[in-house]
Amino acid sequence: MKNNRGIILLAIILILIALFFHFFKSGFSTIGSSDNDFAVKDTGSITKIFLADKNNQSVTLTRTGKGTWLVNNHFEVRSDAMNTLLYTINMLTVKNVIDPRSWNTVIQNIAIQATKVELYEGDKRVKVYYVGGETSDELGTYMILADPETETNYKQPYVVYIPGFDGYLTTRFFIKEDDWRDRTICQYYPYDLKSVSIEYPVVDSSFRITVAGKNQFMMDNPLTGKKIAHLDTLVVKQFLTYFQSLSWEVTAPATKKDSILNSSPLAIMRIEDAKGKVTTLKLFHRKPADNVVAKYGINYKYDPDRLFALVNNKDFVVIQYFVFGKILQPASYFSY
């Protein structure tokens, strides 16, 4: 009899332990219930994402029929940022519920600093939630769901994470339009190009390379029309590979635009592809930042790391010498 009671007691203890670990692992929540179902498993069905913060700033990301995304129906979206956001939306997982004693603090935090997220399939809003700040260990993010029809917040906030990722998710839901914009200037393989020209204030340094065929290149001065002989074909081919990925870094301050564009450009670049599409850049010196002297110990007249650029007479941006320095060569660079 005693043995039976011992067996029954042991079974009860094991069941209680199993239940404890089950609920501990799942955060004492019922996964799949309406108030903690943050993830969208089929992100291909999402057609629009609306993000807004507490400062009345917002951004709308819209999927086009071509499979690309537009930010505010104006600019193409950076593919890396979009892929990261869709992956995040797909992988959102509840880590644990909030201790009721901390509800007020967490909800106040969400009310003050959260980013509102609305997800749409077609014209139907299918998901609304608020992304708050990080947990004290920075391994989770406070979030709360709302009813997509009424926008009424559910009662229970959660700590949400991505399994296998050590960090918080707040920074993936950013609002600034400029941060979402695709920064690509051009992406061409050498034989996708028809010609590349760079005009400098020093006329003899200017050049134009024309792609006549495989391993066939011609070069002249675009300002004088004078042909440049003795081309090093290998150097030309290497130079043309630099146009496989040209991007700008950030948009430049609009307050500086007029004064910069009224100054003399460092160089004017013209890129024409085999289909006749032309991309133009006007490059301008930039004053060095305050920390440049401390960084390099040299009192530079111009920023040694960055330039201003006007792309296609429209976008006023900042570019890096790291990307463009190898392109800004004189005509003599290509001769043997």
C-alpha atoms as a PDB file:
ATOM      1  CA  MET A   1       0.000   0.000   0.000  1.00  0.00           C
ATOM      2  CA  LYS A   2       2.809   2.294   0.935  1.00  0.00           C
ATOM      3  CA  ASN A   3       4.539   1.465  -2.349  1.00  0.00           C
ATOM      4  CA  ASN A   4       1.395   2.352  -4.315  1.00  0.00           C
ATOM      5  CA  ARG A   5       1.069   5.648  -2.512  1.00  0.00           C
ATOM      6  CA  GLY A   6       4.720   6.352  -3.194  1.00  0.00           C
ATOM      7  CA  ILE A   7       4.289   5.605  -6.882  1.00  0.00           C
ATOM      8  CA  ILE A   8       1.169   7.801  -7.089  1.00  0.00           C
ATOM      9  CA  LEU A   9       2.949  10.647  -5.261  1.00  0.00           C
ATOM     10  CA  LEU A  10       5.966  10.353  -7.558  1.00  0.00           C
ATOM     11  CA  ALA A  11       3.688  10.404 -10.624  1.00  0.00           C
ATOM     12  CA  ILE A  12       1.959  13.549  -9.360  1.00  0.00           C
ATOM     13  CA  ILE A  13       5.291  15.231  -8.718  1.00  0.00           C
ATOM     14  CA  LEU A  14       6.525  14.351 -12.222  1.00  0.00           C
ATOM     15  CA  ILE A  15       3.317  15.680 -13.789  1.00  0.00           C
ATOM     16  CA  LEU A  16       3.638  18.930 -11.832  1.00  0.00           C
ATOM     17  CA  ILE A  17       7.261  19.282 -12.915  1.00  0.00           C
ATOM     18  CA  ALA A  18       6.325  18.657 -16.553  1.00  0.00           C
ATOM     19  CA  LEU A  19       3.535  21.233 -16.373  1.00  0.00           C
ATOM     20  CA  PHE A  20       5.859  23.745 -14.734  1.00  0.00           C
ATOM     21  CA  PHE A  21       8.467  23.453 -17.473  1.00  0.00           C
ATOM     22  CA  HIS A  22       5.812  23.543 -20.177  1.00  0.00           C
ATOM     23  CA  PHE A  23       4.359  26.795 -18.927  1.00  0.00           C
ATOM     24  CA  PHE A  24       7.708  28.266 -18.004  1.00  0.00           C
ATOM     25  CA  LYS A  25       9.006  27.671 -21.513  1.00  0.00           C
ATOM     26  CA  SER A  26       5.919  29.146 -23.133  1.00  0.00           C
ATOM     27  CA  GLY A  27       5.847  32.119 -20.796  1.00  0.00           C
ATOM     28  CA  PHE A  28       2.585  31.115 -19.129  1.00  0.00           C
ATOM     29  CA  SER A  29       0.742  32.062 -22.303  1.00  0.00           C
ATOM     30  CA  THR A  30      -1.511  30.271 -24.729  1.00  0.00           C
ATOM     31  CA  ILE A  31       0.374  30.487 -28.028  1.00  0.00           C
ATOM     32  CA  GLY A  32      -1.960  31.175 -30.915  1.00  0.00           C
ATOM     33  CA  SER A  33      -4.566  33.073 -28.926  1.00  0.00           C
ATOM     34  CA  SER A  34      -5.695  36.412 -30.329  1.00  0.00           C
ATOM     35  CA  ASP A  35      -3.808  38.598 -27.873  1.00  0.00           C
ATOM     36  CA  ASN A  36      -0.331  37.170 -28.551  1.00  0.00           C
ATOM     37  CA  ASP A  37      -0.423  36.169 -32.221  1.00  0.00           C
ATOM     38  CA  PHE A  38       2.145  38.706 -33.454  1.00  0.00           C
ATOM     39  CA  ALA A  39       3.728  36.806 -36.354  1.00  0.00           C
ATOM     40  CA  VAL A  40       2.556  36.607 -39.961  1.00  0.00           C
ATOM     41  CA  LYS A  41       3.680  33.277 -41.379  1.00  0.00           C
ATOM     42  CA  ASP A  42       2.976  34.149 -45.011  1.00  0.00           C
ATOM     43  CA  THR A  43       4.666  37.529 -45.417  1.00  0.00           C
ATOM     44  CA  GLY A  44       4.150  37.227 -49.171  1.00  0.00           C
ATOM     45  CA  SER A  45       0.494  38.089 -48.527  1.00  0.00           C
ATOM     46  CA  ILE A  46       1.383  41.447 -46.959  1.00  0.00           C
ATOM     47  CA  THR A  47       0.749  44.302 -49.379  1.00  0.00           C
ATOM     48  CA  LYS A  48       1.245  47.314 -47.126  1.00  0.00           C
ATOM     49  CA  ILE A  49       2.976  48.171 -43.858  1.00  0.00           C
ATOM     50  CA  PHE A  50       2.222  51.376 -41.980  1.00  0.00           C
ATOM     51  CA  LEU A  51       4.588  52.529 -39.214  1.00  0.00           C
ATOM     52  CA  ALA A  52       3.962  55.518 -36.919  1.00  0.00           C
ATOM     53  CA  ASP A  53       5.582  56.874 -33.767  1.00  0.00           C
ATOM     54  CA  LYS A  54       4.362  59.051 -30.922  1.00  0.00           C
ATOM     55  CA  ASN A  55       5.724  62.216 -32.581  1.00  0.00           C
ATOM     56  CA  ASN A  56       3.157  61.995 -35.394  1.00  0.00           C
ATOM     57  CA  GLN A  57       5.812  60.779 -37.811  1.00  0.00           C
ATOM     58  CA  SER A  58       4.871  57.917 -40.097  1.00  0.00           C
ATOM     59  CA  VAL A  59       5.968  55.957 -43.119  1.00  0.00           C
ATOM     60  CA  THR A  60       4.079  53.659 -45.495  1.00  0.00           C
ATOM     61  CA  LEU A  61       5.708  50.747 -47.296  1.00  0.00           C
ATOM     62  CA  THR A  62       3.710  49.436 -50.252  1.00  0.00           C
ATOM     63  CA  ARG A  63       4.332  46.338 -52.338  1.00  0.00           C
ATOM     64  CA  THR A  64       4.109  46.999 -56.083  1.00  0.00           C
ATOM     65  CA  GLY A  65       2.929  44.591 -58.741  1.00  0.00           C
ATOM     66  CA  LYS A  66       6.560  44.051 -59.763  1.00  0.00           C
ATOM     67  CA  GLY A  67       7.446  42.595 -56.376  1.00  0.00           C
ATOM     68  CA  THR A  68       9.370  45.643 -55.228  1.00  0.00           C
ATOM     69  CA  TRP A  69       8.381  47.995 -52.415  1.00  0.00           C
ATOM     70  CA  LEU A  70       7.883  51.760 -52.387  1.00  0.00           C
ATOM     71  CA  VAL A  71       8.282  54.051 -49.408  1.00  0.00           C
ATOM     72  CA  ASN A  72       5.468  56.629 -49.259  1.00  0.00           C
ATOM     73  CA  ASN A  73       4.602  55.710 -52.883  1.00  0.00           C
ATOM     74  CA  HIS A  74       7.636  57.666 -54.010  1.00  0.00           C
ATOM     75  CA  PHE A  75      11.015  55.951 -53.637  1.00  0.00           C
ATOM     76  CA  GLU A  76      12.053  52.338 -53.983  1.00  0.00           C
ATOM     77  CA  VAL A  77      12.784  50.659 -50.662  1.00  0.00           C
ATOM     78  CA  ARG A  78      16.183  49.286 -49.656  1.00  0.00           C
ATOM     79  CA  SER A  79      15.953  45.555 -50.194  1.00  0.00           C
ATOM     80  CA  ASP A  80      18.136  44.719 -47.179  1.00  0.00           C
ATOM     81  CA  ALA A  81      15.959  46.744 -44.803  1.00  0.00           C
ATOM     82  CA  MET A  82      12.742  45.328 -46.290  1.00  0.00           C
ATOM     83  CA  ASN A  83      13.972  41.752 -46.067  1.00  0.00           C
ATOM     84  CA  THR A  84      14.957  42.278 -42.438  1.00  0.00           C
ATOM     85  CA  LEU A  85      11.547  43.715 -41.568  1.00  0.00           C
ATOM     86  CA  LEU A  86       9.625  40.903 -43.284  1.00  0.00           C
ATOM     87  CA  TYR A  87      11.820  38.299 -41.606  1.00  0.00           C
ATOM     88  CA  THR A  88      11.151  39.952 -38.250  1.00  0.00           C
ATOM     89  CA  ILE A  89       7.386  40.008 -38.836  1.00  0.00           C
ATOM     90  CA  ASN A  90       7.513  36.344 -39.770  1.00  0.00           C
ATOM     91  CA  MET A  91       9.569  35.240 -36.758  1.00  0.00           C
ATOM     92  CA  LEU A  92       7.988  37.229 -33.876  1.00  0.00           C
ATOM     93  CA  THR A  93       7.613  34.850 -30.954  1.00  0.00           C
ATOM     94  CA  VAL A  94       6.273  35.388 -27.435  1.00  0.00           C
ATOM     95  CA  LYS A  95       9.026  34.824 -24.879  1.00  0.00           C
ATOM     96  CA  ASN A  96       6.940  35.406 -21.774  1.00  0.00           C
ATOM     97  CA  VAL A  97       4.088  37.444 -20.374  1.00  0.00           C
ATOM     98  CA  ILE A  98       4.619  40.502 -18.213  1.00  0.00           C
ATOM     99  CA  ASP A  99       4.418  40.115 -14.462  1.00  0.00           C
ATOM    100  CA  PRO A 100       1.138  41.836 -13.464  1.00  0.00           C
ATOM    101  CA  ARG A 101       3.120  43.948 -11.001  1.00  0.00           C
ATOM    102  CA  SER A 102       5.003  45.459 -13.953  1.00  0.00           C
ATOM    103  CA  TRP A 103       2.019  46.004 -16.227  1.00  0.00           C
ATOM    104  CA  ASN A 104       1.606  49.697 -15.504  1.00  0.00           C
ATOM    105  CA  THR A 105       5.283  50.439 -16.057  1.00  0.00           C
ATOM    106  CA  VAL A 106       5.446  48.492 -19.328  1.00  0.00           C
ATOM    107  CA  ILE A 107       2.177  49.890 -20.667  1.00  0.00           C
ATOM    108  CA  GLN A 108       3.276  53.438 -19.811  1.00  0.00           C
ATOM    109  CA  ASN A 109       6.532  52.761 -21.646  1.00  0.00           C
ATOM    110  CA  ILE A 110       4.643  51.531 -24.691  1.00  0.00           C
ATOM    111  CA  ALA A 111       2.252  54.505 -24.553  1.00  0.00           C
ATOM    112  CA  ILE A 112       5.136  56.972 -24.522  1.00  0.00           C
ATOM    113  CA  GLN A 113       7.648  55.549 -27.005  1.00  0.00           C
ATOM    114  CA  ALA A 114       6.130  52.673 -28.974  1.00  0.00           C
ATOM    115  CA  THR A 115       5.971  52.377 -32.742  1.00  0.00           C
ATOM    116  CA  LYS A 116       2.574  51.457 -34.108  1.00  0.00           C
ATOM    117  CA  VAL A 117       2.612  48.737 -36.765  1.00  0.00           C
ATOM    118  CA  GLU A 118      -0.282  48.066 -39.145  1.00  0.00           C
ATOM    119  CA  LEU A 119      -0.141  45.168 -41.608  1.00  0.00           C
ATOM    120  CA  TYR A 120      -2.458  44.896 -44.626  1.00  0.00           C
ATOM    121  CA  GLU A 121      -3.449  42.174 -47.058  1.00  0.00           C
ATOM    122  CA  GLY A 122      -4.948  44.047 -49.956  1.00  0.00           C
ATOM    123  CA  ASP A 123      -7.187  46.712 -48.436  1.00  0.00           C
ATOM    124  CA  LYS A 124      -7.818  44.696 -45.288  1.00  0.00           C
ATOM    125  CA  ARG A 125      -5.912  45.512 -42.127  1.00  0.00           C
ATOM    126  CA  VAL A 126      -5.016  42.144 -40.607  1.00  0.00           C
ATOM    127  CA  LYS A 127      -2.676  43.012 -37.766  1.00  0.00           C
ATOM    128  CA  VAL A 128      -2.067  45.955 -35.417  1.00  0.00           C
ATOM    129  CA  TYR A 129       0.514  45.991 -32.652  1.00  0.00           C
ATOM    130  CA  TYR A 130       2.786  48.363 -30.761  1.00  0.00           C
ATOM    131  CA  VAL A 131       6.533  47.820 -30.502  1.00  0.00           C
ATOM    132  CA  GLY A 132       7.956  49.224 -27.280  1.00  0.00           C
ATOM    133  CA  GLY A 133      11.428  49.349 -25.797  1.00  0.00           C
ATOM    134  CA  GLU A 134      13.817  46.607 -24.826  1.00  0.00           C
ATOM    135  CA  THR A 135      13.835  44.513 -21.670  1.00  0.00           C
ATOM    136  CA  SER A 136      16.510  45.120 -19.039  1.00  0.00           C
ATOM    137  CA  ASP A 137      18.674  42.285 -20.422  1.00  0.00           C
ATOM    138  CA  GLU A 138      18.206  43.610 -24.000  1.00  0.00           C
ATOM    139  CA  LEU A 139      17.156  40.142 -25.140  1.00  0.00           C
ATOM    140  CA  GLY A 140      13.475  40.905 -25.627  1.00  0.00           C
ATOM    141  CA  THR A 141      11.100  43.640 -26.739  1.00  0.00           C
ATOM    142  CA  TYR A 142       7.897  44.793 -25.053  1.00  0.00           C
ATOM    143  CA  MET A 143       4.925  44.535 -27.421  1.00  0.00           C
ATOM    144  CA  ILE A 144       1.151  44.586 -27.241  1.00  0.00           C
ATOM    145  CA  LEU A 145      -1.440  43.624 -29.836  1.00  0.00           C
ATOM    146  CA  ALA A 146      -4.617  45.475 -30.760  1.00  0.00           C
ATOM    147  CA  ASP A 147      -7.801  44.456 -32.510  1.00  0.00           C
ATOM    148  CA  PRO A 148      -7.242  45.193 -36.245  1.00  0.00           C
ATOM    149  CA  GLU A 149     -10.842  46.318 -36.717  1.00  0.00           C
ATOM    150  CA  THR A 150     -11.360  48.514 -33.650  1.00  0.00           C
ATOM    151  CA  GLU A 151      -7.723  49.265 -32.714  1.00  0.00           C
ATOM    152  CA  THR A 152      -8.628  48.469 -29.111  1.00  0.00           C
ATOM    153  CA  ASN A 153      -5.531  47.303 -27.286  1.00  0.00           C
ATOM    154  CA  TYR A 154      -5.593  43.851 -25.768  1.00  0.00           C
ATOM    155  CA  LYS A 155      -5.045  43.768 -22.036  1.00  0.00           C
ATOM    156  CA  GLN A 156      -1.885  41.658 -21.902  1.00  0.00           C
ATOM    157  CA  PRO A 157       1.537  42.989 -22.982  1.00  0.00           C
ATOM    158  CA  TYR A 158       4.280  40.498 -23.820  1.00  0.00           C
ATOM    159  CA  VAL A 159       8.011  40.163 -24.145  1.00  0.00           C
ATOM    160  CA  VAL A 160       8.638  39.192 -27.768  1.00  0.00           C
ATOM    161  CA  TYR A 161      11.818  37.930 -29.401  1.00  0.00           C
ATOM    162  CA  ILE A 162      13.197  36.042 -32.393  1.00  0.00           C
ATOM    163  CA  PRO A 163      14.468  32.561 -31.483  1.00  0.00           C
ATOM    164  CA  GLY A 164      18.221  32.358 -31.973  1.00  0.00           C
ATOM    165  CA  PHE A 165      18.687  36.139 -32.084  1.00  0.00           C
ATOM    166  CA  ASP A 166      20.271  37.841 -29.080  1.00  0.00           C
ATOM    167  CA  GLY A 167      18.995  41.389 -29.079  1.00  0.00           C
ATOM    168  CA  TYR A 168      15.897  43.534 -29.166  1.00  0.00           C
ATOM    169  CA  LEU A 169      13.715  44.399 -32.161  1.00  0.00           C
ATOM    170  CA  THR A 170      12.720  48.043 -31.687  1.00  0.00           C
ATOM    171  CA  THR A 171      15.291  49.406 -34.141  1.00  0.00           C
ATOM    172  CA  ARG A 172      13.943  47.297 -37.014  1.00  0.00           C
ATOM    173  CA  PHE A 173      10.701  49.285 -37.073  1.00  0.00           C
ATOM    174  CA  PHE A 174      12.115  52.684 -38.008  1.00  0.00           C
ATOM    175  CA  ILE A 175      10.129  55.645 -39.302  1.00  0.00           C
ATOM    176  CA  LYS A 176      12.407  58.003 -41.237  1.00  0.00           C
ATOM    177  CA  GLU A 177      11.714  57.914 -44.981  1.00  0.00           C
ATOM    178  CA  ASP A 178      15.353  58.537 -45.848  1.00  0.00           C
ATOM    179  CA  ASP A 179      16.418  55.416 -43.947  1.00  0.00           C
ATOM    180  CA  TRP A 180      14.072  53.265 -46.062  1.00  0.00           C
ATOM    181  CA  ARG A 181      15.136  54.642 -49.436  1.00  0.00           C
ATOM    182  CA  ASP A 182      17.115  52.535 -51.871  1.00  0.00           C
ATOM    183  CA  ARG A 183      20.509  54.258 -52.204  1.00  0.00           C
ATOM    184  CA  THR A 184      21.651  52.570 -55.385  1.00  0.00           C
ATOM    185  CA  ILE A 185      23.055  54.896 -58.042  1.00  0.00           C
ATOM    186  CA  CYS A 186      23.850  52.209 -60.587  1.00  0.00           C
ATOM    187  CA  GLN A 187      24.618  48.509 -60.912  1.00  0.00           C
ATOM    188  CA  TYR A 188      26.283  47.539 -64.198  1.00  0.00           C
ATOM    189  CA  TYR A 189      28.571  44.786 -65.334  1.00  0.00           C
ATOM    190  CA  PRO A 190      31.304  46.095 -67.695  1.00  0.00           C
ATOM    191  CA  TYR A 191      29.606  45.007 -70.911  1.00  0.00           C
ATOM    192  CA  ASP A 192      26.265  46.428 -69.782  1.00  0.00           C
ATOM    193  CA  LEU A 193      27.863  49.847 -70.202  1.00  0.00           C
ATOM    194  CA  LYS A 194      28.079  51.903 -73.366  1.00  0.00           C
ATOM    195  CA  SER A 195      30.267  54.710 -72.044  1.00  0.00           C
ATOM    196  CA  VAL A 196      31.609  56.369 -68.898  1.00  0.00           C
ATOM    197  CA  SER A 197      32.927  59.904 -68.859  1.00  0.00           C
ATOM    198  CA  ILE A 198      34.404  62.116 -66.143  1.00  0.00           C
ATOM    199  CA  GLU A 199      34.999  65.818 -66.707  1.00  0.00           C
ATOM    200  CA  TYR A 200      37.419  67.658 -64.422  1.00  0.00           C
ATOM    201  CA  PRO A 201      38.227  71.364 -64.136  1.00  0.00           C
ATOM    202  CA  VAL A 202      41.669  70.360 -65.407  1.00  0.00           C
ATOM    203  CA  VAL A 203      40.766  69.614 -69.030  1.00  0.00           C
ATOM    204  CA  ASP A 204      43.667  67.244 -69.760  1.00  0.00           C
ATOM    205  CA  SER A 205      42.568  64.927 -66.946  1.00  0.00           C
ATOM    206  CA  SER A 206      39.063  64.441 -68.359  1.00  0.00           C
ATOM    207  CA  PHE A 207      38.234  61.255 -70.237  1.00  0.00           C
ATOM    208  CA  ARG A 208      35.474  59.189 -71.822  1.00  0.00           C
ATOM    209  CA  ILE A 209      35.631  55.417 -72.190  1.00  0.00           C
ATOM    210  CA  THR A 210      33.418  53.839 -74.853  1.00  0.00           C
ATOM    211  CA  VAL A 211      32.756  50.098 -74.848  1.00  0.00           C
ATOM    212  CA  ALA A 212      32.955  48.980 -78.499  1.00  0.00           C
ATOM    213  CA  GLY A 213      32.823  45.212 -77.861  1.00  0.00           C
ATOM    214  CA  LYS A 214      34.401  42.483 -75.795  1.00  0.00           C
ATOM    215  CA  ASN A 215      37.909  43.651 -74.883  1.00  0.00           C
ATOM    216  CA  GLN A 216      37.405  46.563 -77.276  1.00  0.00           C
ATOM    217  CA  PHE A 217      37.499  50.054 -75.782  1.00  0.00           C
ATOM    218  CA  MET A 218      37.981  53.535 -77.122  1.00  0.00           C
ATOM    219  CA  MET A 219      38.935  56.607 -75.144  1.00  0.00           C
ATOM    220  CA  ASP A 220      38.795  60.288 -75.869  1.00  0.00           C
ATOM    221  CA  ASN A 221      38.540  63.619 -74.100  1.00  0.00           C
ATOM    222  CA  PRO A 222      34.839  64.601 -73.875  1.00  0.00           C
ATOM    223  CA  LEU A 223      35.723  68.297 -73.740  1.00  0.00           C
ATOM    224  CA  THR A 224      38.054  68.395 -76.752  1.00  0.00           C
ATOM    225  CA  GLY A 225      37.112  65.238 -78.693  1.00  0.00           C
ATOM    226  CA  LYS A 226      40.800  64.322 -78.869  1.00  0.00           C
ATOM    227  CA  LYS A 227      41.390  60.561 -78.941  1.00  0.00           C
ATOM    228  CA  ILE A 228      43.565  59.023 -76.234  1.00  0.00           C
ATOM    229  CA  ALA A 229      45.825  56.224 -77.443  1.00  0.00           C
ATOM    230  CA  HIS A 230      47.862  53.459 -75.783  1.00  0.00           C
ATOM    231  CA  LEU A 231      45.068  52.171 -73.555  1.00  0.00           C
ATOM    232  CA  ASP A 232      45.862  49.489 -71.027  1.00  0.00           C
ATOM    233  CA  THR A 233      42.916  47.139 -71.617  1.00  0.00           C
ATOM    234  CA  LEU A 234      43.286  45.371 -68.272  1.00  0.00           C
ATOM    235  CA  VAL A 235      43.194  48.681 -66.396  1.00  0.00           C
ATOM    236  CA  VAL A 236      40.082  49.755 -68.337  1.00  0.00           C
ATOM    237  CA  LYS A 237      38.289  46.481 -67.624  1.00  0.00           C
ATOM    238  CA  GLN A 238      39.131  46.710 -63.925  1.00  0.00           C
ATOM    239  CA  PHE A 239      37.879  50.307 -63.850  1.00  0.00           C
ATOM    240  CA  LEU A 240      34.539  49.332 -65.397  1.00  0.00           C
ATOM    241  CA  THR A 241      33.961  46.691 -62.712  1.00  0.00           C
ATOM    242  CA  TYR A 242      33.674  49.504 -60.154  1.00  0.00           C
ATOM    243  CA  PHE A 243      30.242  50.352 -61.560  1.00  0.00           C
ATOM    244  CA  GLN A 244      28.707  47.077 -60.429  1.00  0.00           C
ATOM    245  CA  SER A 245      27.615  48.684 -57.178  1.00  0.00           C
ATOM    246  CA  LEU A 246      27.603  52.453 -56.656  1.00  0.00           C
ATOM    247  CA  SER A 247      25.491  53.849 -53.830  1.00  0.00           C
ATOM    248  CA  TRP A 248      25.167  57.037 -51.833  1.00  0.00           C
ATOM    249  CA  GLU A 249      25.406  57.081 -48.060  1.00  0.00           C
ATOM    250  CA  VAL A 250      22.766  59.555 -46.816  1.00  0.00           C
ATOM    251  CA  THR A 251      20.838  62.498 -48.169  1.00  0.00           C
ATOM    252  CA  ALA A 252      22.652  65.790 -47.669  1.00  0.00           C
ATOM    253  CA  PRO A 253      21.196  68.692 -45.641  1.00  0.00           C
ATOM    254  CA  ALA A 254      18.843  70.731 -47.804  1.00  0.00           C
ATOM    255  CA  THR A 255      20.144  73.900 -46.138  1.00  0.00           C
ATOM    256  CA  LYS A 256      23.508  73.405 -47.840  1.00  0.00           C
ATOM    257  CA  LYS A 257      22.179  72.570 -51.288  1.00  0.00           C
ATOM    258  CA  ASP A 258      22.053  76.013 -52.920  1.00  0.00           C
ATOM    259  CA  SER A 259      25.484  77.134 -51.738  1.00  0.00           C
ATOM    260  CA  ILE A 260      27.122  73.852 -52.740  1.00  0.00           C
ATOM    261  CA  LEU A 261      25.494  73.669 -56.172  1.00  0.00           C
ATOM    262  CA  ASN A 262      26.563  77.237 -56.905  1.00  0.00           C
ATOM    263  CA  SER A 263      30.205  76.273 -56.381  1.00  0.00           C
ATOM    264  CA  SER A 264      32.463  74.652 -58.973  1.00  0.00           C
ATOM    265  CA  PRO A 265      32.159  70.861 -59.068  1.00  0.00           C
ATOM    266  CA  LEU A 266      35.133  68.640 -58.432  1.00  0.00           C
ATOM    267  CA  ALA A 267      33.998  66.398 -61.285  1.00  0.00           C
ATOM    268  CA  ILE A 268      31.012  65.664 -63.520  1.00  0.00           C
ATOM    269  CA  MET A 269      30.343  62.002 -64.222  1.00  0.00           C
ATOM    270  CA  ARG A 270      28.132  60.597 -66.969  1.00  0.00           C
ATOM    271  CA  ILE A 271      27.276  56.884 -67.149  1.00  0.00           C
ATOM    272  CA  GLU A 272      25.369  55.497 -70.151  1.00  0.00           C
ATOM    273  CA  ASP A 273      24.287  51.877 -70.326  1.00  0.00           C
ATOM    274  CA  ALA A 274      23.869  49.718 -73.418  1.00  0.00           C
ATOM    275  CA  LYS A 275      20.131  50.503 -73.522  1.00  0.00           C
ATOM    276  CA  GLY A 276      20.706  54.255 -73.586  1.00  0.00           C
ATOM    277  CA  LYS A 277      19.857  55.042 -69.947  1.00  0.00           C
ATOM    278  CA  VAL A 278      22.012  57.891 -68.645  1.00  0.00           C
ATOM    279  CA  THR A 279      22.995  58.545 -65.030  1.00  0.00           C
ATOM    280  CA  THR A 280      24.729  61.809 -64.147  1.00  0.00           C
ATOM    281  CA  LEU A 281      26.579  62.882 -61.028  1.00  0.00           C
ATOM    282  CA  LYS A 282      28.058  66.229 -60.089  1.00  0.00           C
ATOM    283  CA  LEU A 283      30.587  65.835 -57.282  1.00  0.00           C
ATOM    284  CA  PHE A 284      31.499  68.627 -54.853  1.00  0.00           C
ATOM    285  CA  HIS A 285      34.025  69.020 -52.068  1.00  0.00           C
ATOM    286  CA  ARG A 286      32.689  68.922 -48.519  1.00  0.00           C
ATOM    287  CA  LYS A 287      34.079  70.784 -45.537  1.00  0.00           C
ATOM    288  CA  PRO A 288      35.718  68.447 -43.023  1.00  0.00           C
ATOM    289  CA  ALA A 289      33.762  67.460 -39.943  1.00  0.00           C
ATOM    290  CA  ASP A 290      34.909  68.800 -36.587  1.00  0.00           C
ATOM    291  CA  ASN A 291      36.433  65.466 -35.591  1.00  0.00           C
ATOM    292  CA  VAL A 292      38.570  65.022 -38.732  1.00  0.00           C
ATOM    293  CA  VAL A 293      41.625  66.840 -37.327  1.00  0.00           C
ATOM    294  CA  ALA A 294      41.461  64.764 -34.153  1.00  0.00           C
ATOM    295  CA  LYS A 295      40.990  61.585 -36.191  1.00  0.00           C
ATOM    296  CA  TYR A 296      43.861  62.084 -38.643  1.00  0.00           C
ATOM    297  CA  GLY A 297      46.004  64.787 -37.052  1.00  0.00           C
ATOM    298  CA  ILE A 298      45.891  66.793 -40.289  1.00  0.00           C
ATOM    299  CA  ASN A 299      44.159  70.107 -40.872  1.00  0.00           C
ATOM    300  CA  TYR A 300      42.360  69.172 -44.092  1.00  0.00           C
ATOM    301  CA  LYS A 301      40.820  71.817 -46.325  1.00  0.00           C
ATOM    302  CA  TYR A 302      38.193  69.319 -47.503  1.00  0.00           C
ATOM    303  CA  ASP A 303      36.662  66.201 -45.987  1.00  0.00           C
ATOM    304  CA  PRO A 304      38.994  63.303 -46.848  1.00  0.00           C
ATOM    305  CA  ASP A 305      36.238  60.715 -46.404  1.00  0.00           C
ATOM    306  CA  ARG A 306      33.128  62.129 -48.080  1.00  0.00           C
ATOM    307  CA  LEU A 307      31.829  64.288 -50.925  1.00  0.00           C
ATOM    308  CA  PHE A 308      28.549  65.917 -51.824  1.00  0.00           C
ATOM    309  CA  ALA A 309      26.880  64.709 -55.016  1.00  0.00           C
ATOM    310  CA  LEU A 310      23.908  65.736 -57.130  1.00  0.00           C
ATOM    311  CA  VAL A 311      22.501  62.594 -58.763  1.00  0.00           C
ATOM    312  CA  ASN A 312      20.512  63.006 -61.987  1.00  0.00           C
ATOM    313  CA  ASN A 313      20.033  66.712 -61.170  1.00  0.00           C
ATOM    314  CA  LYS A 314      17.617  65.636 -58.430  1.00  0.00           C
ATOM    315  CA  ASP A 315      18.983  63.911 -55.354  1.00  0.00           C
ATOM    316  CA  PHE A 316      21.454  65.896 -53.228  1.00  0.00           C
ATOM    317  CA  VAL A 317      23.394  63.274 -51.265  1.00  0.00           C
ATOM    318  CA  VAL A 318      26.612  62.389 -49.469  1.00  0.00           C
ATOM    319  CA  ILE A 319      28.936  59.788 -51.023  1.00  0.00           C
ATOM    320  CA  GLN A 320      32.065  58.096 -49.701  1.00  0.00           C
ATOM    321  CA  TYR A 321      35.595  58.280 -51.088  1.00  0.00           C
ATOM    322  CA  PHE A 322      35.816  54.614 -50.104  1.00  0.00           C
ATOM    323  CA  VAL A 323      33.362  53.892 -52.942  1.00  0.00           C
ATOM    324  CA  PHE A 324      34.183  56.647 -55.440  1.00  0.00           C
ATOM    325  CA  GLY A 325      37.864  57.312 -54.813  1.00  0.00           C
ATOM    326  CA  LYS A 326      38.999  54.516 -57.131  1.00  0.00           C
ATOM    327  CA  ILE A 327      36.791  55.921 -59.900  1.00  0.00           C
ATOM    328  CA  LEU A 328      38.094  59.486 -59.748  1.00  0.00           C
ATOM    329  CA  GLN A 329      41.168  58.800 -61.865  1.00  0.00           C
ATOM    330  CA  PRO A 330      42.852  61.082 -64.448  1.00  0.00           C
ATOM    331  CA  ALA A 331      43.071  60.146 -68.127  1.00  0.00           C
ATOM    332  CA  SER A 332      46.752  59.225 -67.701  1.00  0.00           C
ATOM    333  CA  TYR A 333      45.741  56.379 -65.364  1.00  0.00           C
ATOM    334  CA  PHE A 334      44.597  54.290 -68.349  1.00  0.00           C
ATOM    335  CA  SER A 335      47.657  54.704 -70.601  1.00  0.00           C
ATOM    336  CA  TYR A 336      50.781  52.582 -70.705  1.00  0.00           C
END
